[in-house]
Amino acid sequence: MTQALGAMDEQEILQEYWQKKPLLLRQAFPAFSPELEIDDIAGLACEELAEARLIRGSYPEHDWELAYGPFKEETLRKLPENRWTLLVQDVEKHYPPLRRLVESFFFLPRWRIDDLMVSVAAPGGSVGPHVDQYDVFLLQADGRRRWQIAENHDSELQQGTELNVLKSFEAEQEWILEPGDMLYLPPGVAHHGVALDRCMTWSVGMRAPSAADLLQALGEWLAASHGEGPRYADPDLRGPGPGAQLDADSIRRFSELAMGMVEDGPAFSEFLGSFLSRYRLAHEPLGPEQALGRDELLASLRDGCTLQHNPWTRLVWTNTQAGAKLFAAGSTFPCARETAITVCEPGQLATAGPQFAAANAALLCELVNAGHLYLEAPP
C-alpha cells in the first residue's frame, strides 16, 4: 500500500500541519482503486454488528433526517437518486485487509488511530457543515466530492436535529476531490462535503479523549483497582474561618489529593494503557469456545497456522522497571519489552517463529483465550 503522503515527507506533515492547519494532498494514493465497492458498504450496513447511519437532507434547507442501522436491504434499494449519505464505522475491523490502508498512517502513534469510516453518498449527499473535535484524513475513494472549509466560523448549531450541524456556514476554501486525493483536517475546522456524483469517501479518524472522558475513566479505574485511595486530610488546619467557606487552603489540599494519583508515574501509566486500549471499543473481543493449551498452540504453529490480531482488540504497551506491560482491550499482561513489540507490531507476530512462541507460550495462550489473538489456518 502506498504511503498516505503523496510526495510529502512525514516530518513535514507533522511539523507544519498536524493539529495546526488543513492540508490537501493531491494523489496521496496514486491511481487509487478501493478494495470495497459501494454495494459492499451497503451490504455491511445491513449486518447486525455494523454501526451504520443513514442521513438525508441538505444545507441550507436543514431538512435533516437521521436513521440508525442495521438496515433492511429493501430500505437501501428504495433510496432516492440524490441527497442521502450512508455512513459505516470500523470498516477495517469488519474487512481486515483494509488494515493495510490504516497502516499507511502509522507515522502517527498507533494508539491515536481510531477507525476507518466509509461514507457512501448519492449526488447532493451531505451530513451538513460541522466541526469535529479530532483529526481526520478524508480520502476520496470513488466519485467526486466538493469540500468547503472554514477555520473561522459561527459555532451555533441548528436546532431540531440530532446532527451537530452548524446553523450557518461561510466557506473560506474549497476543493473538488477525486479518487486518490486526500484532505487532512485538524480539530476545530468547520467543513462541509457534498457529493457531486455517486461517491465514496474513506475517513481515517484519530482518537482524542476529552478531559471528562479521562477523569471519569480514572475515577472508575482507581475505585476498581486501588480501593478508595488516600482521603482528604488537613493536619495544617489553622483555625475556623467563616463556617461554610471552602477556603483556599482546603481547595489546595483537594487539588493535591486529586493530582497525587495522576503524578504517580507507574500507576498512571498503567491506567493510560488500560484506558487507551479500551477507549471507543465498539465490541468486546471473544475467545474460542474451548480454551487453547500450550501444546495445542505450539502444534498448530508447527502445522503452519499463524497468530493474528483480532481487529476489535487495541494493543498498547508501556515500559516498566521490570520489562513491559502489554494492554489489550483494557486487560494488562506483564511481559518482556521485546515480547510486547513483537506482539503489537503488524506482521512481526505472524513471522516470529517457533522459538518466540515456545518462550512466550503462556502469554500467547492467554491472549488467544481472551480473544485478543487468533490462530489462522494456512492457505
Protein backbone atom coordinates (compact mmCIF):
# COMPACT_ATOMS: atom_id res chain seq x y z
CA MET A 1 0.00 0.00 0.00
CA THR A 2 1.38 3.39 -0.98
CA GLN A 3 2.13 5.72 1.89
CA ALA A 4 -0.65 8.18 2.57
CA LEU A 5 1.55 11.20 1.99
CA GLY A 6 1.70 11.84 -1.74
CA ALA A 7 5.06 13.49 -2.38
CA MET A 8 5.33 14.99 1.11
CA ASP A 9 7.66 13.96 3.90
CA GLU A 10 6.18 12.57 7.14
CA GLN A 11 8.13 15.02 9.28
CA GLU A 12 6.95 17.96 7.17
CA ILE A 13 3.34 16.92 7.76
CA LEU A 14 3.91 16.55 11.50
CA GLN A 15 5.82 19.81 11.90
CA GLU A 16 3.84 22.04 9.53
CA TYR A 17 0.29 20.69 9.55
CA TRP A 18 -0.52 18.15 12.26
CA GLN A 19 -3.03 19.79 14.65
CA LYS A 20 -2.15 23.17 13.10
CA LYS A 21 -3.77 23.69 9.70
CA PRO A 22 -5.57 21.84 6.90
CA LEU A 23 -3.65 20.10 4.14
CA LEU A 24 -4.82 18.97 0.69
CA LEU A 25 -2.79 16.11 -0.78
CA ARG A 26 -3.48 15.51 -4.45
CA GLN A 27 -2.97 11.84 -5.33
CA ALA A 28 -1.91 10.86 -1.83
CA PHE A 29 -2.75 7.37 -3.09
CA PRO A 30 -1.92 7.50 -6.83
CA ALA A 31 -4.30 5.58 -9.12
CA PHE A 32 -6.30 4.56 -6.05
CA SER A 33 -8.73 1.68 -6.53
CA PRO A 34 -10.90 0.81 -3.49
CA GLU A 35 -10.93 -2.78 -2.29
CA LEU A 36 -14.62 -2.47 -1.38
CA GLU A 37 -17.33 -1.14 -3.67
CA ILE A 38 -20.35 0.96 -2.79
CA ASP A 39 -22.61 -2.11 -2.81
CA ASP A 40 -20.26 -3.85 -0.34
CA ILE A 41 -20.69 -0.97 2.13
CA ALA A 42 -24.46 -1.06 1.67
CA GLY A 43 -24.38 -4.78 2.47
CA LEU A 44 -22.27 -4.19 5.57
CA ALA A 45 -24.76 -1.56 6.77
CA CYS A 46 -27.39 -4.33 6.88
CA GLU A 47 -25.35 -6.54 9.26
CA GLU A 48 -26.20 -6.72 12.96
CA LEU A 49 -22.72 -5.90 14.27
CA ALA A 50 -22.14 -2.91 11.99
CA GLU A 51 -22.52 0.65 13.30
CA ALA A 52 -24.30 2.44 10.47
CA ARG A 53 -26.24 5.68 9.97
CA LEU A 54 -28.33 7.00 7.12
CA ILE A 55 -28.57 10.79 6.75
CA ARG A 56 -30.95 12.55 4.38
CA GLY A 57 -31.22 16.27 3.80
CA SER A 58 -29.14 19.22 2.68
CA TYR A 59 -27.76 22.62 3.64
CA PRO A 60 -29.03 25.35 3.85
CA GLU A 61 -32.50 23.76 3.80
CA HIS A 62 -31.76 21.93 7.08
CA ASP A 63 -34.31 19.24 6.24
CA TRP A 64 -32.25 16.60 8.03
CA GLU A 65 -33.38 13.04 8.77
CA LEU A 66 -31.24 10.55 10.69
CA ALA A 67 -31.76 6.79 10.96
CA TYR A 68 -29.60 4.12 12.61
CA GLY A 69 -28.77 0.64 11.28
CA PRO A 70 -28.77 -2.20 10.82
CA PHE A 71 -30.87 -1.50 7.74
CA LYS A 72 -33.01 -3.75 5.60
CA GLU A 73 -31.82 -4.24 2.04
CA GLU A 74 -35.20 -3.07 0.79
CA THR A 75 -34.77 0.25 2.65
CA LEU A 76 -31.48 0.95 0.89
CA ARG A 77 -32.78 -0.18 -2.51
CA LYS A 78 -35.64 2.32 -2.27
CA LEU A 79 -33.45 5.34 -1.51
CA PRO A 80 -33.96 8.30 -3.86
CA GLU A 81 -31.45 9.27 -6.54
CA ASN A 82 -29.98 12.15 -4.56
CA ARG A 83 -29.39 13.85 -1.17
CA TRP A 84 -28.56 10.89 1.09
CA THR A 85 -25.42 9.62 2.82
CA LEU A 86 -24.76 6.18 4.31
CA LEU A 87 -22.03 6.03 7.00
CA VAL A 88 -20.44 2.84 8.36
CA GLN A 89 -17.86 2.88 11.20
CA ASP A 90 -14.95 0.49 11.85
CA VAL A 91 -14.94 -0.89 8.31
CA GLU A 92 -11.33 -2.10 8.61
CA LYS A 93 -12.39 -4.33 11.51
CA HIS A 94 -15.19 -5.91 9.51
CA TYR A 95 -12.91 -6.30 6.48
CA PRO A 96 -9.37 -6.85 7.85
CA PRO A 97 -7.49 -6.43 4.53
CA LEU A 98 -8.25 -2.70 4.82
CA ARG A 99 -5.94 -2.57 7.83
CA ARG A 100 -3.15 -2.24 5.27
CA LEU A 101 -4.55 1.17 4.36
CA VAL A 102 -4.75 2.19 8.02
CA GLU A 103 -1.11 1.13 8.42
CA SER A 104 -0.24 3.91 5.97
CA PHE A 105 -0.93 6.30 8.85
CA PHE A 106 1.48 4.63 11.27
CA PHE A 107 3.77 7.67 11.10
CA LEU A 108 1.39 8.72 13.91
CA PRO A 109 1.30 7.00 17.31
CA ARG A 110 -0.63 3.74 16.85
CA TRP A 111 -2.93 4.36 19.80
CA ARG A 112 -4.01 7.67 18.22
CA ILE A 113 -5.74 5.96 15.29
CA ASP A 114 -9.42 5.19 15.82
CA ASP A 115 -11.09 3.65 12.79
CA LEU A 116 -11.79 3.75 9.09
CA MET A 117 -15.28 5.13 8.45
CA VAL A 118 -16.76 4.82 4.98
CA SER A 119 -19.25 7.33 3.62
CA VAL A 120 -21.35 6.42 0.58
CA ALA A 121 -23.38 9.25 -0.92
CA ALA A 122 -25.77 9.95 -3.77
CA PRO A 123 -25.37 13.21 -5.73
CA GLY A 124 -26.04 16.07 -3.34
CA GLY A 125 -25.50 13.80 -0.33
CA SER A 126 -24.04 15.51 2.74
CA VAL A 127 -24.01 15.35 6.53
CA GLY A 128 -24.09 19.14 6.71
CA PRO A 129 -21.42 21.67 7.73
CA HIS A 130 -19.98 20.59 11.08
CA VAL A 131 -16.92 20.67 13.32
CA ASP A 132 -15.04 17.61 14.61
CA GLN A 133 -13.01 17.60 17.81
CA TYR A 134 -10.49 15.15 16.42
CA ASP A 135 -8.08 14.95 13.47
CA VAL A 136 -9.37 13.28 10.33
CA PHE A 137 -7.91 12.26 6.96
CA LEU A 138 -10.58 12.29 4.23
CA LEU A 139 -9.57 10.04 1.34
CA GLN A 140 -11.72 10.16 -1.79
CA ALA A 141 -12.18 6.52 -2.81
CA ASP A 142 -14.70 6.75 -5.65
CA GLY A 143 -16.54 9.54 -7.47
CA ARG A 144 -16.09 13.24 -6.66
CA ARG A 145 -16.86 15.30 -3.58
CA ARG A 146 -16.66 19.08 -3.08
CA TRP A 147 -15.15 20.05 0.27
CA GLN A 148 -15.54 23.52 1.74
CA ILE A 149 -13.79 24.51 4.97
CA ALA A 150 -13.68 27.47 7.35
CA GLU A 151 -11.19 27.92 10.17
CA ASN A 152 -13.21 30.90 11.47
CA HIS A 153 -16.88 30.13 11.88
CA ASP A 154 -20.01 30.66 13.95
CA SER A 155 -20.32 27.67 16.30
CA GLU A 156 -24.10 27.92 16.77
CA LEU A 157 -25.81 24.59 15.94
CA GLN A 158 -29.02 24.08 14.05
CA GLN A 159 -31.86 23.20 16.43
CA GLY A 160 -34.38 20.41 15.93
CA THR A 161 -31.97 17.74 14.66
CA GLU A 162 -29.82 15.03 16.27
CA LEU A 163 -26.98 16.00 13.97
CA ASN A 164 -24.39 18.53 15.15
CA VAL A 165 -24.89 20.69 12.08
CA LEU A 166 -23.82 24.33 12.02
CA LYS A 167 -26.72 26.72 11.63
CA SER A 168 -24.72 28.91 9.24
CA PHE A 169 -21.54 28.31 7.29
CA GLU A 170 -19.38 30.51 5.04
CA ALA A 171 -16.59 28.73 3.20
CA GLU A 172 -13.05 30.13 3.24
CA GLN A 173 -11.52 27.47 0.97
CA GLU A 174 -12.98 24.95 -1.46
CA TRP A 175 -11.70 21.95 -3.44
CA ILE A 176 -13.10 19.10 -5.52
CA LEU A 177 -11.52 15.77 -4.57
CA GLU A 178 -11.20 12.85 -6.98
CA PRO A 179 -10.12 9.23 -6.27
CA GLY A 180 -6.73 9.16 -4.56
CA ASP A 181 -6.93 12.76 -3.30
CA MET A 182 -6.95 13.30 0.46
CA LEU A 183 -7.76 16.20 2.77
CA TYR A 184 -6.36 16.43 6.31
CA LEU A 185 -8.30 18.50 8.83
CA PRO A 186 -7.13 19.27 12.39
CA PRO A 187 -9.70 19.61 15.19
CA GLY A 188 -11.96 22.63 15.19
CA VAL A 189 -12.06 23.31 11.44
CA ALA A 190 -15.61 23.58 10.11
CA HIS A 191 -16.10 21.52 6.96
CA HIS A 192 -18.88 20.70 4.53
CA GLY A 193 -18.62 17.90 1.97
CA VAL A 194 -21.17 17.42 -0.81
CA ALA A 195 -21.17 14.51 -3.28
CA LEU A 196 -21.05 15.74 -6.87
CA ASP A 197 -21.96 12.30 -8.15
CA ARG A 198 -22.37 8.84 -6.62
CA CYS A 199 -19.27 8.70 -4.48
CA MET A 200 -17.45 7.07 -1.61
CA THR A 201 -15.18 8.78 0.95
CA TRP A 202 -12.96 6.90 3.42
CA SER A 203 -12.25 8.74 6.68
CA VAL A 204 -9.39 7.76 8.97
CA GLY A 205 -10.23 9.36 12.32
CA MET A 206 -7.97 9.92 15.29
CA ARG A 207 -8.74 9.26 18.97
CA ALA A 208 -8.92 12.36 21.15
CA PRO A 209 -10.26 11.67 24.64
CA SER A 210 -11.67 14.70 26.40
CA ALA A 211 -10.70 15.72 29.94
CA ALA A 212 -14.13 14.48 31.06
CA ASP A 213 -13.51 11.07 29.39
CA LEU A 214 -10.13 10.82 31.07
CA LEU A 215 -11.21 11.87 34.58
CA GLN A 216 -14.30 9.70 34.59
CA ALA A 217 -12.32 6.66 33.49
CA LEU A 218 -9.57 7.44 36.01
CA GLY A 219 -12.07 7.55 38.87
CA GLU A 220 -13.62 4.26 37.81
CA TRP A 221 -10.20 2.64 37.41
CA LEU A 222 -9.00 3.86 40.84
CA ALA A 223 -12.16 2.60 42.54
CA ALA A 224 -11.87 -0.79 40.85
CA SER A 225 -8.09 -1.27 41.11
CA HIS A 226 -6.83 0.77 44.06
CA GLY A 227 -9.68 0.79 46.56
CA GLU A 228 -10.61 4.19 47.92
CA GLY A 229 -7.09 5.59 47.83
CA PRO A 230 -5.95 8.28 50.28
CA ARG A 231 -8.53 10.51 51.93
CA TYR A 232 -8.63 14.24 52.39
CA ALA A 233 -6.58 15.36 55.40
CA ASP A 234 -5.83 18.77 56.96
CA PRO A 235 -3.19 18.44 59.72
CA ASP A 236 -2.09 22.02 58.98
CA LEU A 237 -5.53 23.46 59.81
CA ARG A 238 -5.09 26.95 61.30
CA GLY A 239 -8.49 27.56 62.85
CA PRO A 240 -12.02 28.27 61.75
CA GLY A 241 -12.85 30.92 59.19
CA PRO A 242 -16.39 31.73 58.03
CA GLY A 243 -18.18 28.48 58.84
CA ALA A 244 -19.39 27.44 55.38
CA GLN A 245 -16.46 28.79 53.39
CA LEU A 246 -14.42 26.46 51.23
CA ASP A 247 -11.18 28.35 51.67
CA ALA A 248 -8.06 28.48 49.52
CA ASP A 249 -6.10 26.05 51.74
CA SER A 250 -8.89 23.44 51.51
CA ILE A 251 -9.08 23.82 47.74
CA ARG A 252 -5.30 23.36 47.54
CA ARG A 253 -5.45 20.17 49.64
CA PHE A 254 -8.20 18.71 47.41
CA SER A 255 -6.19 19.60 44.32
CA GLU A 256 -3.11 17.87 45.74
CA LEU A 257 -5.22 14.83 46.65
CA ALA A 258 -6.51 14.54 43.07
CA MET A 259 -3.17 15.27 41.43
CA GLY A 260 -1.36 12.78 43.66
CA MET A 261 -2.79 9.84 41.72
CA VAL A 262 -2.02 11.43 38.35
CA GLU A 263 1.56 12.13 39.34
CA ASP A 264 2.12 8.54 40.43
CA GLY A 265 4.05 7.53 37.31
CA PRO A 266 3.68 3.70 37.32
CA ALA A 267 0.04 3.73 38.40
CA PHE A 268 -0.95 6.47 35.96
CA SER A 269 0.85 4.86 33.02
CA GLU A 270 -0.95 1.59 33.79
CA PHE A 271 -4.26 3.44 33.84
CA LEU A 272 -3.49 5.11 30.50
CA GLY A 273 -2.55 1.81 28.88
CA SER A 274 -5.78 0.24 30.09
CA PHE A 275 -7.89 3.28 29.16
CA LEU A 276 -6.47 3.86 25.68
CA SER A 277 -6.71 0.20 24.74
CA ARG A 278 -10.43 0.33 25.58
CA TYR A 279 -11.40 3.85 24.50
CA ARG A 280 -14.26 3.80 21.94
CA LEU A 281 -14.12 -0.01 21.79
CA ALA A 282 -17.25 -0.98 19.85
CA HIS A 283 -17.26 -4.73 20.56
CA GLU A 284 -15.72 -6.90 23.27
CA PRO A 285 -13.25 -9.45 21.87
CA LEU A 286 -14.47 -13.05 22.16
CA GLY A 287 -12.14 -16.00 22.66
CA PRO A 288 -12.58 -19.56 21.39
CA GLU A 289 -15.34 -21.75 22.85
CA GLN A 290 -12.71 -24.16 24.17
CA ALA A 291 -9.55 -22.80 25.82
CA LEU A 292 -6.31 -23.35 23.95
CA GLY A 293 -3.43 -25.06 25.79
CA ARG A 294 0.31 -24.60 25.34
CA ASP A 295 0.88 -27.87 23.49
CA GLU A 296 -2.07 -27.25 21.18
CA LEU A 297 -0.83 -23.75 20.40
CA LEU A 298 2.69 -24.89 19.54
CA ALA A 299 1.40 -27.83 17.48
CA SER A 300 -0.87 -25.53 15.47
CA LEU A 301 2.03 -23.18 14.74
CA ARG A 302 4.21 -26.13 13.64
CA ASP A 303 1.40 -27.17 11.28
CA GLY A 304 1.57 -23.79 9.54
CA CYS A 305 -1.02 -21.74 11.43
CA THR A 306 -0.14 -18.13 12.21
CA LEU A 307 -1.12 -15.84 15.08
CA GLN A 308 -3.14 -12.82 14.01
CA HIS A 309 -4.52 -9.75 15.80
CA ASN A 310 -8.23 -9.66 16.49
CA PRO A 311 -9.20 -6.43 14.67
CA TRP A 312 -11.53 -5.47 17.55
CA THR A 313 -8.67 -5.52 20.07
CA ARG A 314 -6.49 -2.45 20.58
CA LEU A 315 -2.95 -3.13 21.70
CA VAL A 316 -0.78 -0.68 23.67
CA TRP A 317 2.37 -1.26 25.69
CA THR A 318 4.46 0.70 28.21
CA ASN A 319 7.93 0.33 29.66
CA THR A 320 8.27 -0.67 33.33
CA GLN A 321 11.25 -1.24 35.60
CA ALA A 322 10.65 -4.99 35.29
CA GLY A 323 10.22 -5.01 31.49
CA ALA A 324 6.93 -4.00 29.90
CA LYS A 325 3.18 -4.14 30.29
CA LEU A 326 1.03 -5.09 27.34
CA PHE A 327 -2.55 -3.79 27.32
CA ALA A 328 -5.23 -5.45 25.20
CA ALA A 329 -8.79 -4.04 25.28
CA GLY A 330 -8.29 -2.90 28.85
CA SER A 331 -6.56 -6.03 30.21
CA THR A 332 -2.95 -5.99 31.41
CA PHE A 333 -0.27 -8.57 30.60
CA PRO A 334 3.27 -8.18 32.05
CA CYS A 335 5.95 -9.33 29.61
CA ALA A 336 9.41 -8.54 28.25
CA ARG A 337 9.85 -5.39 26.18
CA GLU A 338 10.84 -7.37 23.08
CA THR A 339 7.76 -9.56 23.51
CA ALA A 340 5.46 -6.53 23.65
CA ILE A 341 6.98 -5.10 20.47
CA THR A 342 6.64 -8.39 18.61
CA VAL A 343 3.03 -8.90 19.67
CA CYS A 344 2.00 -5.33 18.80
CA GLU A 345 3.83 -4.71 15.53
CA PRO A 346 1.90 -5.62 12.36
CA GLY A 347 3.39 -8.65 10.66
CA GLN A 348 6.01 -9.44 13.32
CA LEU A 349 3.83 -11.79 15.33
CA ALA A 350 2.90 -13.96 12.33
CA THR A 351 6.58 -14.42 11.41
CA ALA A 352 8.13 -14.54 14.90
CA GLY A 353 8.96 -18.25 14.65
CA PRO A 354 8.75 -21.29 16.92
CA GLN A 355 11.43 -20.12 19.36
CA PHE A 356 9.46 -16.96 20.20
CA ALA A 357 6.23 -18.95 20.52
CA ALA A 358 7.80 -21.52 22.85
CA ALA A 359 9.36 -18.85 25.07
CA ASN A 360 6.08 -16.91 25.31
CA ALA A 361 3.56 -19.73 25.07
CA ALA A 362 1.78 -18.90 28.35
CA LEU A 363 1.24 -15.26 27.35
CA LEU A 364 0.16 -16.15 23.81
CA CYS A 365 -2.35 -18.69 25.13
CA GLU A 366 -3.77 -16.03 27.47
CA LEU A 367 -4.16 -13.61 24.58
CA VAL A 368 -5.78 -16.21 22.32
CA ASN A 369 -8.16 -17.45 25.03
CA ALA A 370 -9.20 -13.87 25.82
CA GLY A 371 -9.91 -13.22 22.14
CA HIS A 372 -7.11 -10.68 21.52
CA LEU A 373 -5.26 -13.00 19.12
CA TYR A 374 -6.49 -15.87 16.98
CA LEU A 375 -4.95 -18.74 15.01
CA GLU A 376 -5.31 -18.53 11.24
CA ALA A 377 -5.04 -21.75 9.24
CA PRO A 378 -2.50 -21.90 6.39
CA PRO A 379 -3.85 -21.04 2.92
